[in-house]
C-alpha atoms as a PDB file:
ATOM      1  CA  MET A   1     -30.147  46.458  16.530  1.00  0.00           C
ATOM      2  CA  ARG A   2     -33.601  45.212  15.666  1.00  0.00           C
ATOM      3  CA  THR A   3     -35.016  45.283  12.112  1.00  0.00           C
ATOM      4  CA  VAL A   4     -37.969  43.541  10.428  1.00  0.00           C
ATOM      5  CA  PHE A   5     -37.391  41.490   7.247  1.00  0.00           C
ATOM      6  CA  THR A   6     -39.285  39.139   5.185  1.00  0.00           C
ATOM      7  CA  PRO A   7     -37.323  35.919   4.631  1.00  0.00           C
ATOM      8  CA  GLN A   8     -37.012  36.888   1.000  1.00  0.00           C
ATOM      9  CA  ALA A   9     -35.664  40.298   1.757  1.00  0.00           C
ATOM     10  CA  LEU A  10     -33.071  38.886   3.992  1.00  0.00           C
ATOM     11  CA  ALA A  11     -32.036  36.249   1.527  1.00  0.00           C
ATOM     12  CA  LYS A  12     -31.575  39.160  -0.987  1.00  0.00           C
ATOM     13  CA  SER A  13     -29.244  41.026   1.455  1.00  0.00           C
ATOM     14  CA  VAL A  14     -27.208  37.824   1.907  1.00  0.00           C
ATOM     15  CA  GLY A  15     -27.097  37.430  -1.837  1.00  0.00           C
ATOM     16  CA  LYS A  16     -25.840  40.936  -2.283  1.00  0.00           C
ATOM     17  CA  GLY A  17     -23.068  40.370   0.294  1.00  0.00           C
ATOM     18  CA  ALA A  18     -24.572  42.686   3.029  1.00  0.00           C
ATOM     19  CA  TYR A  19     -24.513  39.746   5.478  1.00  0.00           C
ATOM     20  CA  LYS A  20     -22.742  36.362   5.512  1.00  0.00           C
ATOM     21  CA  THR A  21     -24.055  33.353   7.177  1.00  0.00           C
ATOM     22  CA  CYS A  22     -22.610  30.579   9.351  1.00  0.00           C
ATOM     23  CA  THR A  23     -23.627  28.407  12.213  1.00  0.00           C
ATOM     24  CA  LEU A  24     -23.208  29.611  15.695  1.00  0.00           C
ATOM     25  CA  ALA A  25     -20.525  27.054  16.333  1.00  0.00           C
ATOM     26  CA  GLU A  26     -18.650  28.529  13.162  1.00  0.00           C
ATOM     27  CA  TRP A  27     -18.857  31.985  14.350  1.00  0.00           C
ATOM     28  CA  LYS A  28     -15.684  32.022  16.277  1.00  0.00           C
ATOM     29  CA  ASN A  29     -13.839  31.503  12.836  1.00  0.00           C
ATOM     30  CA  ALA A  30     -15.873  33.830  10.925  1.00  0.00           C
ATOM     31  CA  ASP A  31     -14.429  37.196  10.051  1.00  0.00           C
ATOM     32  CA  GLY A  32     -17.160  39.600  11.336  1.00  0.00           C
ATOM     33  CA  ASP A  33     -17.650  42.127  13.894  1.00  0.00           C
ATOM     34  CA  GLU A  34     -21.474  41.935  14.300  1.00  0.00           C
ATOM     35  CA  LEU A  35     -23.568  38.844  14.949  1.00  0.00           C
ATOM     36  CA  PHE A  36     -27.435  38.688  14.146  1.00  0.00           C
ATOM     37  CA  LEU A  37     -30.273  36.085  14.717  1.00  0.00           C
ATOM     38  CA  PHE A  38     -33.282  35.926  12.277  1.00  0.00           C
ATOM     39  CA  ILE A  39     -36.499  35.025  14.321  1.00  0.00           C
ATOM     40  CA  PHE A  40     -39.183  33.805  11.973  1.00  0.00           C
ATOM     41  CA  PRO A  41     -42.068  34.308  12.327  1.00  0.00           C
ATOM     42  CA  SER A  42     -41.769  37.484  14.424  1.00  0.00           C
ATOM     43  CA  PRO A  43     -43.132  37.278  17.930  1.00  0.00           C
ATOM     44  CA  ASN A  44     -44.816  40.479  17.263  1.00  0.00           C
ATOM     45  CA  PRO A  45     -48.334  39.553  16.028  1.00  0.00           C
ATOM     46  CA  LEU A  46     -48.479  42.620  13.646  1.00  0.00           C
ATOM     47  CA  ASN A  47     -45.029  41.667  12.051  1.00  0.00           C
ATOM     48  CA  GLU A  48     -45.977  38.066  11.940  1.00  0.00           C
ATOM     49  CA  ALA A  49     -49.344  38.941  10.053  1.00  0.00           C
ATOM     50  CA  ASN A  50     -47.287  40.846   7.497  1.00  0.00           C
ATOM     51  CA  GLY A  51     -45.053  37.825   6.911  1.00  0.00           C
ATOM     52  CA  ASP A  52     -42.034  39.423   8.613  1.00  0.00           C
ATOM     53  CA  GLY A  53     -39.296  38.113  11.002  1.00  0.00           C
ATOM     54  CA  ASP A  54     -37.242  39.913  13.525  1.00  0.00           C
ATOM     55  CA  PHE A  55     -33.572  40.449  12.635  1.00  0.00           C
ATOM     56  CA  VAL A  56     -31.840  41.116  15.969  1.00  0.00           C
ATOM     57  CA  GLU A  57     -28.306  41.512  17.219  1.00  0.00           C
ATOM     58  CA  ILE A  58     -26.741  38.951  19.300  1.00  0.00           C
ATOM     59  CA  ILE A  59     -25.106  40.658  22.299  1.00  0.00           C
ATOM     60  CA  ASP A  60     -23.820  37.561  24.047  1.00  0.00           C
ATOM     61  CA  PHE A  61     -23.949  33.785  24.219  1.00  0.00           C
ATOM     62  CA  LYS A  62     -23.388  30.929  26.503  1.00  0.00           C
ATOM     63  CA  THR A  63     -20.058  29.198  25.952  1.00  0.00           C
ATOM     64  CA  ASP A  64     -21.991  25.957  25.097  1.00  0.00           C
ATOM     65  CA  LEU A  65     -24.076  27.821  22.515  1.00  0.00           C
ATOM     66  CA  THR A  66     -27.525  26.796  24.121  1.00  0.00           C
ATOM     67  CA  GLU A  67     -28.678  30.448  24.680  1.00  0.00           C
ATOM     68  CA  VAL A  68     -28.014  33.782  23.276  1.00  0.00           C
ATOM     69  CA  ASP A  69     -28.888  37.315  24.450  1.00  0.00           C
ATOM     70  CA  ILE A  70     -30.445  39.496  21.830  1.00  0.00           C
ATOM     71  CA  ASP A  71     -31.045  43.240  21.675  1.00  0.00           C
ATOM     72  CA  ILE A  72     -34.763  43.973  21.668  1.00  0.00           C
ATOM     73  CA  GLY A  73     -34.428  47.755  21.634  1.00  0.00           C
ATOM     74  CA  GLY A  74     -34.684  50.480  24.229  1.00  0.00           C
ATOM     75  CA  GLY A  75     -31.648  48.934  26.163  1.00  0.00           C
ATOM     76  CA  ARG A  76     -33.666  45.755  26.742  1.00  0.00           C
ATOM     77  CA  THR A  77     -32.259  42.283  26.077  1.00  0.00           C
ATOM     78  CA  ARG A  78     -34.021  38.894  25.806  1.00  0.00           C
ATOM     79  CA  THR A  79     -32.452  35.430  26.115  1.00  0.00           C
ATOM     80  CA  VAL A  80     -33.352  32.837  23.158  1.00  0.00           C
ATOM     81  CA  LYS A  81     -32.720  29.188  23.259  1.00  0.00           C
ATOM     82  CA  THR A  82     -30.205  28.138  20.366  1.00  0.00           C
ATOM     83  CA  THR A  83     -27.928  25.076  19.470  1.00  0.00           C
ATOM     84  CA  PRO A  84     -24.566  25.088  18.012  1.00  0.00           C
ATOM     85  CA  ASP A  85     -26.139  24.498  14.607  1.00  0.00           C
ATOM     86  CA  THR A  86     -28.389  27.656  14.750  1.00  0.00           C
ATOM     87  CA  LEU A  87     -28.056  29.696  11.627  1.00  0.00           C
ATOM     88  CA  VAL A  88     -26.702  33.212  12.327  1.00  0.00           C
ATOM     89  CA  TYR A  89     -25.868  36.302  10.142  1.00  0.00           C
ATOM     90  CA  TYR A  90     -22.794  38.484  10.405  1.00  0.00           C
ATOM     91  CA  ARG A  91     -21.013  41.360   8.789  1.00  0.00           C
END
């Protein structure tokens, strides 16, 4: 899953309970089925110009939490550098 959000729209979704937040290290204790990463600003120049970020599903991650694989659509994935303190979203 890949969605475009402004930071304000994402904060509103969290405030309404659509998503919860934790750090990547805390994920193992979270009660969720899906895990997401918000990349802001968006790597897409058009989305960045509109003030948006990419909200993407995390498919897998290294056990040391230094990298995650994200779904970028069309059956493609990309690896992103992270830390155990990276803020993630779940539901």
